[in-house]
Amino acid sequence: MGRKIAILHGWESKIERWQPLKSELEKAGFAVFLPQLPGFGQAEPPKVPWSVADYAQWVKERLPKEYFLVGHSFGGRIAIKLASQNPAGLRKLILIDSAGIKPKKTLKYFIFWLLAKIGKLFFLIPPFLFWRNFARRVLYKLAGERDYYQAKGVMRETMKKVISEDLKGDLRKIKVPTLILWGKEDSQTPLSDGELMNHLIPNSSFLVFPHADHSLPLKLPEKVDLAIIKFLKTS
């Protein structure tokens, strides 16, 4: 069996922040492939808005014959989509605070939606026009949609396509052994999402890190590395 690992980063994640985790895996004897996904960092964005399947295909074309796959947040979406196809080369899957469960529209969602619509009209009035961008930034931050506010052009449209897709059906199709790692204090992808993924993926195990949040692999790389290495070295 090969000892190659592909790591798929989250939305707007900086590759440099993954170096501690990558280094520890390399010390353990693994060859690590950490691509900058199209549209992030210095990588060119796609010409048209991409779906999760488009990103999965891009990754698939660059993978070795045998590999382990790690996906965090948005990278987890891609990993789920790819793993659901059960490609011949995939040996094991690790999901870390993964996105992919479409949240239900809550009262909070409708309140912020209404405020956004009202604000769009209100800030067209000349005296308030100057404050429009500031008000939008504050609203998106309060709504937990900072990534959407910061995304521009084709990447904003890409984000719309990506987050509109619910991957529950894909999770049920995954056949490879899967390890799910989660920060208990994650507010972006709640713990309940990880629990549901564990329930839907037939051959999966679930490990929760107390006091950790959505940045689990970046803030606690040593602990995450230990969990990954232990999982990959078991038959």
C-alpha atoms as a PDB file:
ATOM      1  CA  MET A   1       0.000   0.000   0.000  1.00  0.00           C
ATOM      2  CA  GLY A   2       1.230   3.524  -0.835  1.00  0.00           C
ATOM      3  CA  ARG A   3       2.039   6.090   1.830  1.00  0.00           C
ATOM      4  CA  LYS A   4       0.854   9.183  -0.006  1.00  0.00           C
ATOM      5  CA  ILE A   5      -1.546  11.663   1.526  1.00  0.00           C
ATOM      6  CA  ALA A   6      -3.517  14.377  -0.238  1.00  0.00           C
ATOM      7  CA  ILE A   7      -4.714  17.237   1.984  1.00  0.00           C
ATOM      8  CA  LEU A   8      -7.529  19.504   0.766  1.00  0.00           C
ATOM      9  CA  HIS A   9      -7.665  22.863   2.525  1.00  0.00           C
ATOM     10  CA  GLY A  10     -10.686  24.930   3.521  1.00  0.00           C
ATOM     11  CA  TRP A  11     -12.186  28.019   1.915  1.00  0.00           C
ATOM     12  CA  GLU A  12      -9.599  30.837   1.841  1.00  0.00           C
ATOM     13  CA  SER A  13      -7.213  28.767   3.972  1.00  0.00           C
ATOM     14  CA  LYS A  14      -3.558  29.736   3.641  1.00  0.00           C
ATOM     15  CA  ILE A  15      -1.300  26.853   2.606  1.00  0.00           C
ATOM     16  CA  GLU A  16       1.478  28.066   4.940  1.00  0.00           C
ATOM     17  CA  ARG A  17      -0.701  27.350   7.982  1.00  0.00           C
ATOM     18  CA  TRP A  18      -0.744  23.679   7.017  1.00  0.00           C
ATOM     19  CA  GLN A  19       3.021  23.286   7.122  1.00  0.00           C
ATOM     20  CA  PRO A  20       3.227  22.074  10.779  1.00  0.00           C
ATOM     21  CA  LEU A  21       0.748  19.249  10.114  1.00  0.00           C
ATOM     22  CA  LYS A  22       2.386  18.438   6.766  1.00  0.00           C
ATOM     23  CA  SER A  23       5.855  18.307   8.354  1.00  0.00           C
ATOM     24  CA  GLU A  24       4.782  15.867  11.072  1.00  0.00           C
ATOM     25  CA  LEU A  25       3.205  13.551   8.511  1.00  0.00           C
ATOM     26  CA  GLU A  26       6.385  13.663   6.443  1.00  0.00           C
ATOM     27  CA  LYS A  27       8.452  12.813   9.515  1.00  0.00           C
ATOM     28  CA  ALA A  28       6.251   9.730   9.929  1.00  0.00           C
ATOM     29  CA  GLY A  29       7.216   8.640   6.431  1.00  0.00           C
ATOM     30  CA  PHE A  30       4.293   9.896   4.375  1.00  0.00           C
ATOM     31  CA  ALA A  31       4.583  11.833   1.111  1.00  0.00           C
ATOM     32  CA  VAL A  32       2.159  14.781   1.356  1.00  0.00           C
ATOM     33  CA  PHE A  33       0.368  16.421  -1.572  1.00  0.00           C
ATOM     34  CA  LEU A  34      -1.054  19.793  -0.477  1.00  0.00           C
ATOM     35  CA  PRO A  35      -2.448  21.566  -3.545  1.00  0.00           C
ATOM     36  CA  GLN A  36      -3.618  25.173  -3.654  1.00  0.00           C
ATOM     37  CA  LEU A  37      -7.157  24.793  -4.959  1.00  0.00           C
ATOM     38  CA  PRO A  38      -8.237  26.942  -7.931  1.00  0.00           C
ATOM     39  CA  GLY A  39      -9.437  30.373  -6.873  1.00  0.00           C
ATOM     40  CA  PHE A  40      -7.464  30.516  -3.615  1.00  0.00           C
ATOM     41  CA  GLY A  41      -4.085  32.012  -2.772  1.00  0.00           C
ATOM     42  CA  GLN A  42      -2.056  32.489  -5.942  1.00  0.00           C
ATOM     43  CA  ALA A  43      -4.002  29.856  -7.902  1.00  0.00           C
ATOM     44  CA  GLU A  44      -6.066  31.109 -10.836  1.00  0.00           C
ATOM     45  CA  PRO A  45      -9.837  30.982 -10.314  1.00  0.00           C
ATOM     46  CA  PRO A  46     -11.994  28.893 -12.646  1.00  0.00           C
ATOM     47  CA  LYS A  47     -13.350  30.652 -15.736  1.00  0.00           C
ATOM     48  CA  VAL A  48     -16.919  29.857 -14.730  1.00  0.00           C
ATOM     49  CA  PRO A  49     -18.472  29.049 -11.325  1.00  0.00           C
ATOM     50  CA  TRP A  50     -17.475  25.556 -10.187  1.00  0.00           C
ATOM     51  CA  SER A  51     -19.482  22.994  -8.253  1.00  0.00           C
ATOM     52  CA  VAL A  52     -18.139  20.555  -5.662  1.00  0.00           C
ATOM     53  CA  ALA A  53     -17.971  17.932  -8.422  1.00  0.00           C
ATOM     54  CA  ASP A  54     -15.783  20.237 -10.537  1.00  0.00           C
ATOM     55  CA  TYR A  55     -13.281  20.598  -7.693  1.00  0.00           C
ATOM     56  CA  ALA A  56     -13.396  16.847  -7.065  1.00  0.00           C
ATOM     57  CA  GLN A  57     -12.562  16.175 -10.700  1.00  0.00           C
ATOM     58  CA  TRP A  58      -9.676  18.682 -10.609  1.00  0.00           C
ATOM     59  CA  VAL A  59      -8.224  16.936  -7.550  1.00  0.00           C
ATOM     60  CA  LYS A  60      -8.813  13.454  -8.967  1.00  0.00           C
ATOM     61  CA  GLU A  61      -6.756  14.259 -12.076  1.00  0.00           C
ATOM     62  CA  ARG A  62      -3.744  15.075  -9.899  1.00  0.00           C
ATOM     63  CA  LEU A  63      -3.785  12.175  -7.456  1.00  0.00           C
ATOM     64  CA  PRO A  64      -1.338   9.232  -7.448  1.00  0.00           C
ATOM     65  CA  LYS A  65      -2.444   5.638  -8.047  1.00  0.00           C
ATOM     66  CA  GLU A  66      -2.838   4.920  -4.307  1.00  0.00           C
ATOM     67  CA  TYR A  67      -3.448   7.533  -1.649  1.00  0.00           C
ATOM     68  CA  PHE A  68      -5.087   8.579   1.597  1.00  0.00           C
ATOM     69  CA  LEU A  69      -7.342  11.633   1.474  1.00  0.00           C
ATOM     70  CA  VAL A  70      -7.730  14.368   4.102  1.00  0.00           C
ATOM     71  CA  GLY A  71     -10.299  17.157   3.790  1.00  0.00           C
ATOM     72  CA  HIS A  72     -10.931  20.100   6.103  1.00  0.00           C
ATOM     73  CA  SER A  73     -14.047  22.304   5.936  1.00  0.00           C
ATOM     74  CA  PHE A  74     -14.588  23.125   2.226  1.00  0.00           C
ATOM     75  CA  GLY A  75     -11.854  20.615   1.414  1.00  0.00           C
ATOM     76  CA  GLY A  76     -13.999  18.084   3.241  1.00  0.00           C
ATOM     77  CA  ARG A  77     -16.827  18.721   0.787  1.00  0.00           C
ATOM     78  CA  ILE A  78     -14.491  17.893  -2.078  1.00  0.00           C
ATOM     79  CA  ALA A  79     -13.163  14.816  -0.273  1.00  0.00           C
ATOM     80  CA  ILE A  80     -16.714  13.561   0.343  1.00  0.00           C
ATOM     81  CA  LYS A  81     -17.696  14.033  -3.290  1.00  0.00           C
ATOM     82  CA  LEU A  82     -14.546  12.269  -4.485  1.00  0.00           C
ATOM     83  CA  ALA A  83     -14.794   9.419  -1.966  1.00  0.00           C
ATOM     84  CA  SER A  84     -18.460   8.851  -2.835  1.00  0.00           C
ATOM     85  CA  GLN A  85     -17.295   7.800  -6.316  1.00  0.00           C
ATOM     86  CA  ASN A  86     -15.185   5.098  -4.624  1.00  0.00           C
ATOM     87  CA  PRO A  87     -12.147   5.586  -6.886  1.00  0.00           C
ATOM     88  CA  ALA A  88      -9.807   2.593  -7.069  1.00  0.00           C
ATOM     89  CA  GLY A  89      -6.816   4.439  -5.626  1.00  0.00           C
ATOM     90  CA  LEU A  90      -8.440   5.743  -2.442  1.00  0.00           C
ATOM     91  CA  ARG A  91      -7.472   3.694   0.612  1.00  0.00           C
ATOM     92  CA  LYS A  92      -8.754   5.708   3.591  1.00  0.00           C
ATOM     93  CA  LEU A  93     -10.531   9.007   4.191  1.00  0.00           C
ATOM     94  CA  ILE A  94     -10.098  11.583   6.976  1.00  0.00           C
ATOM     95  CA  LEU A  95     -12.657  14.372   7.381  1.00  0.00           C
ATOM     96  CA  ILE A  96     -11.831  17.261   9.730  1.00  0.00           C
ATOM     97  CA  ASP A  97     -14.615  19.680  10.712  1.00  0.00           C
ATOM     98  CA  SER A  98     -15.979  19.041   7.250  1.00  0.00           C
ATOM     99  CA  ALA A  99     -18.662  21.027   5.491  1.00  0.00           C
ATOM    100  CA  GLY A 100     -21.272  19.215   3.440  1.00  0.00           C
ATOM    101  CA  ILE A 101     -24.405  19.100   5.594  1.00  0.00           C
ATOM    102  CA  LYS A 102     -26.800  21.763   4.375  1.00  0.00           C
ATOM    103  CA  PRO A 103     -28.190  23.599   7.427  1.00  0.00           C
ATOM    104  CA  LYS A 104     -31.883  24.124   7.918  1.00  0.00           C
ATOM    105  CA  LYS A 105     -33.123  27.677   7.390  1.00  0.00           C
ATOM    106  CA  THR A 106     -33.666  29.043  10.876  1.00  0.00           C
ATOM    107  CA  LEU A 107     -35.371  32.180  12.178  1.00  0.00           C
ATOM    108  CA  LYS A 108     -31.908  33.792  12.311  1.00  0.00           C
ATOM    109  CA  TYR A 109     -31.485  33.129   8.587  1.00  0.00           C
ATOM    110  CA  PHE A 110     -34.779  34.839   7.698  1.00  0.00           C
ATOM    111  CA  ILE A 111     -34.024  37.817   9.960  1.00  0.00           C
ATOM    112  CA  PHE A 112     -30.654  38.442   8.312  1.00  0.00           C
ATOM    113  CA  TRP A 113     -32.174  37.880   4.865  1.00  0.00           C
ATOM    114  CA  LEU A 114     -34.813  40.533   5.609  1.00  0.00           C
ATOM    115  CA  LEU A 115     -32.232  42.956   7.013  1.00  0.00           C
ATOM    116  CA  ALA A 116     -30.082  42.504   3.914  1.00  0.00           C
ATOM    117  CA  LYS A 117     -33.025  43.272   1.614  1.00  0.00           C
ATOM    118  CA  ILE A 118     -34.074  46.346   3.621  1.00  0.00           C
ATOM    119  CA  GLY A 119     -30.478  47.546   3.913  1.00  0.00           C
ATOM    120  CA  LYS A 120     -29.912  47.236   0.174  1.00  0.00           C
ATOM    121  CA  LEU A 121     -32.678  49.796  -0.426  1.00  0.00           C
ATOM    122  CA  PHE A 122     -31.903  51.988   2.587  1.00  0.00           C
ATOM    123  CA  PHE A 123     -28.245  52.465   1.696  1.00  0.00           C
ATOM    124  CA  LEU A 124     -29.109  53.623  -1.822  1.00  0.00           C
ATOM    125  CA  ILE A 125     -30.264  56.901  -0.267  1.00  0.00           C
ATOM    126  CA  PRO A 126     -27.429  59.417  -0.924  1.00  0.00           C
ATOM    127  CA  PRO A 127     -26.730  60.416   2.729  1.00  0.00           C
ATOM    128  CA  PHE A 128     -26.215  56.737   3.683  1.00  0.00           C
ATOM    129  CA  LEU A 129     -24.522  55.508   0.502  1.00  0.00           C
ATOM    130  CA  PHE A 130     -21.058  56.085   2.000  1.00  0.00           C
ATOM    131  CA  TRP A 131     -21.779  53.567   4.803  1.00  0.00           C
ATOM    132  CA  ARG A 132     -23.164  50.815   2.566  1.00  0.00           C
ATOM    133  CA  ASN A 133     -20.028  48.623   2.372  1.00  0.00           C
ATOM    134  CA  PHE A 134     -19.327  49.001   6.087  1.00  0.00           C
ATOM    135  CA  ALA A 135     -22.907  48.006   6.958  1.00  0.00           C
ATOM    136  CA  ARG A 136     -22.748  44.975   4.647  1.00  0.00           C
ATOM    137  CA  ARG A 137     -19.477  43.854   6.199  1.00  0.00           C
ATOM    138  CA  VAL A 138     -20.929  44.085   9.711  1.00  0.00           C
ATOM    139  CA  LEU A 139     -24.119  42.242   8.710  1.00  0.00           C
ATOM    140  CA  TYR A 140     -22.288  39.356   7.027  1.00  0.00           C
ATOM    141  CA  LYS A 141     -19.928  39.060   9.972  1.00  0.00           C
ATOM    142  CA  LEU A 142     -22.832  38.870  12.430  1.00  0.00           C
ATOM    143  CA  ALA A 143     -24.506  36.291  10.213  1.00  0.00           C
ATOM    144  CA  GLY A 144     -21.344  34.191  10.124  1.00  0.00           C
ATOM    145  CA  GLU A 145     -21.008  34.722   6.358  1.00  0.00           C
ATOM    146  CA  ARG A 146     -17.648  36.513   6.236  1.00  0.00           C
ATOM    147  CA  ASP A 147     -16.321  34.196   3.514  1.00  0.00           C
ATOM    148  CA  TYR A 148     -19.265  35.039   1.273  1.00  0.00           C
ATOM    149  CA  TYR A 149     -18.746  38.779   1.790  1.00  0.00           C
ATOM    150  CA  GLN A 150     -15.043  38.513   0.934  1.00  0.00           C
ATOM    151  CA  ALA A 151     -15.570  36.333  -2.153  1.00  0.00           C
ATOM    152  CA  LYS A 152     -15.650  38.261  -5.424  1.00  0.00           C
ATOM    153  CA  GLY A 153     -16.842  37.590  -8.948  1.00  0.00           C
ATOM    154  CA  VAL A 154     -16.699  33.977 -10.071  1.00  0.00           C
ATOM    155  CA  MET A 155     -15.683  32.797  -6.587  1.00  0.00           C
ATOM    156  CA  ARG A 156     -18.808  34.279  -5.028  1.00  0.00           C
ATOM    157  CA  GLU A 157     -20.918  32.453  -7.595  1.00  0.00           C
ATOM    158  CA  THR A 158     -18.854  29.319  -6.954  1.00  0.00           C
ATOM    159  CA  MET A 159     -19.547  29.613  -3.241  1.00  0.00           C
ATOM    160  CA  LYS A 160     -23.296  29.862  -3.939  1.00  0.00           C
ATOM    161  CA  LYS A 161     -23.168  26.628  -5.943  1.00  0.00           C
ATOM    162  CA  VAL A 162     -21.031  24.852  -3.357  1.00  0.00           C
ATOM    163  CA  ILE A 163     -23.072  25.676  -0.259  1.00  0.00           C
ATOM    164  CA  SER A 164     -26.396  24.942  -1.990  1.00  0.00           C
ATOM    165  CA  GLU A 165     -25.470  21.270  -2.323  1.00  0.00           C
ATOM    166  CA  ASP A 166     -26.327  18.824   0.451  1.00  0.00           C
ATOM    167  CA  LEU A 167     -23.938  15.863   0.495  1.00  0.00           C
ATOM    168  CA  LYS A 168     -25.922  13.494   2.718  1.00  0.00           C
ATOM    169  CA  GLY A 169     -26.537  11.161  -0.210  1.00  0.00           C
ATOM    170  CA  ASP A 170     -22.826  11.135  -1.072  1.00  0.00           C
ATOM    171  CA  LEU A 171     -21.881  10.243   2.507  1.00  0.00           C
ATOM    172  CA  ARG A 172     -23.948   7.051   2.324  1.00  0.00           C
ATOM    173  CA  LYS A 173     -21.993   5.914  -0.760  1.00  0.00           C
ATOM    174  CA  ILE A 174     -18.542   6.048   0.865  1.00  0.00           C
ATOM    175  CA  LYS A 175     -17.112   2.563   1.359  1.00  0.00           C
ATOM    176  CA  VAL A 176     -13.512   3.176   2.489  1.00  0.00           C
ATOM    177  CA  PRO A 177     -12.595   3.303   6.202  1.00  0.00           C
ATOM    178  CA  THR A 178     -13.177   6.865   7.367  1.00  0.00           C
ATOM    179  CA  LEU A 179     -11.968   8.839  10.380  1.00  0.00           C
ATOM    180  CA  ILE A 180     -13.934  11.932  11.366  1.00  0.00           C
ATOM    181  CA  LEU A 181     -12.156  14.500  13.566  1.00  0.00           C
ATOM    182  CA  TRP A 182     -14.095  17.393  15.096  1.00  0.00           C
ATOM    183  CA  GLY A 183     -13.568  20.373  17.350  1.00  0.00           C
ATOM    184  CA  LYS A 184     -16.293  20.347  19.998  1.00  0.00           C
ATOM    185  CA  GLU A 185     -16.512  24.158  19.999  1.00  0.00           C
ATOM    186  CA  ASP A 186     -16.805  24.473  16.207  1.00  0.00           C
ATOM    187  CA  SER A 187     -19.398  27.150  15.402  1.00  0.00           C
ATOM    188  CA  GLN A 188     -19.018  27.021  11.597  1.00  0.00           C
ATOM    189  CA  THR A 189     -19.682  23.324  11.124  1.00  0.00           C
ATOM    190  CA  PRO A 190     -21.377  22.250  14.371  1.00  0.00           C
ATOM    191  CA  LEU A 191     -20.624  19.016  16.203  1.00  0.00           C
ATOM    192  CA  SER A 192     -24.028  17.671  15.148  1.00  0.00           C
ATOM    193  CA  ASP A 193     -22.792  17.694  11.523  1.00  0.00           C
ATOM    194  CA  GLY A 194     -19.898  15.433  12.464  1.00  0.00           C
ATOM    195  CA  GLU A 195     -22.206  13.108  14.369  1.00  0.00           C
ATOM    196  CA  LEU A 196     -24.510  12.872  11.359  1.00  0.00           C
ATOM    197  CA  MET A 197     -21.576  12.141   9.035  1.00  0.00           C
ATOM    198  CA  ASN A 198     -20.471   9.368  11.380  1.00  0.00           C
ATOM    199  CA  HIS A 199     -23.971   7.934  11.241  1.00  0.00           C
ATOM    200  CA  LEU A 200     -24.242   8.118   7.441  1.00  0.00           C
ATOM    201  CA  ILE A 201     -20.793   6.790   6.478  1.00  0.00           C
ATOM    202  CA  PRO A 202     -20.978   3.011   7.008  1.00  0.00           C
ATOM    203  CA  ASN A 203     -17.367   2.300   8.014  1.00  0.00           C
ATOM    204  CA  SER A 204     -16.480   5.395  10.055  1.00  0.00           C
ATOM    205  CA  SER A 205     -15.151   6.349  13.471  1.00  0.00           C
ATOM    206  CA  PHE A 206     -15.573   9.674  15.235  1.00  0.00           C
ATOM    207  CA  LEU A 207     -13.094  11.522  17.467  1.00  0.00           C
ATOM    208  CA  VAL A 208     -13.974  14.780  19.230  1.00  0.00           C
ATOM    209  CA  PHE A 209     -11.401  17.274  20.533  1.00  0.00           C
ATOM    210  CA  PRO A 210     -12.692  19.223  23.584  1.00  0.00           C
ATOM    211  CA  HIS A 211     -12.089  23.006  23.580  1.00  0.00           C
ATOM    212  CA  ALA A 212     -11.110  22.946  19.874  1.00  0.00           C
ATOM    213  CA  ASP A 213     -12.953  24.917  17.176  1.00  0.00           C
ATOM    214  CA  HIS A 214     -13.130  24.951  13.374  1.00  0.00           C
ATOM    215  CA  SER A 215      -9.385  25.597  13.136  1.00  0.00           C
ATOM    216  CA  LEU A 216      -8.611  22.254  14.811  1.00  0.00           C
ATOM    217  CA  PRO A 217      -5.933  21.038  12.322  1.00  0.00           C
ATOM    218  CA  LEU A 218      -4.218  24.422  12.283  1.00  0.00           C
ATOM    219  CA  LYS A 219      -4.208  25.083  16.032  1.00  0.00           C
ATOM    220  CA  LEU A 220      -3.582  21.522  17.230  1.00  0.00           C
ATOM    221  CA  PRO A 221      -1.524  19.975  14.397  1.00  0.00           C
ATOM    222  CA  GLU A 222       0.399  17.596  16.683  1.00  0.00           C
ATOM    223  CA  LYS A 223      -2.758  16.020  18.111  1.00  0.00           C
ATOM    224  CA  VAL A 224      -4.402  15.803  14.714  1.00  0.00           C
ATOM    225  CA  ASP A 225      -1.259  14.231  13.259  1.00  0.00           C
ATOM    226  CA  LEU A 226      -1.192  11.581  15.973  1.00  0.00           C
ATOM    227  CA  ALA A 227      -4.820  10.672  15.310  1.00  0.00           C
ATOM    228  CA  ILE A 228      -4.269  10.514  11.542  1.00  0.00           C
ATOM    229  CA  ILE A 229      -1.071   8.457  11.769  1.00  0.00           C
ATOM    230  CA  LYS A 230      -2.648   5.970  14.207  1.00  0.00           C
ATOM    231  CA  PHE A 231      -5.638   5.569  11.874  1.00  0.00           C
ATOM    232  CA  LEU A 232      -3.536   5.146   8.741  1.00  0.00           C
ATOM    233  CA  LYS A 233      -1.211   2.588  10.308  1.00  0.00           C
ATOM    234  CA  THR A 234      -4.032   0.307  11.409  1.00  0.00           C
ATOM    235  CA  SER A 235      -5.105  -2.369   8.936  1.00  0.00           C
END
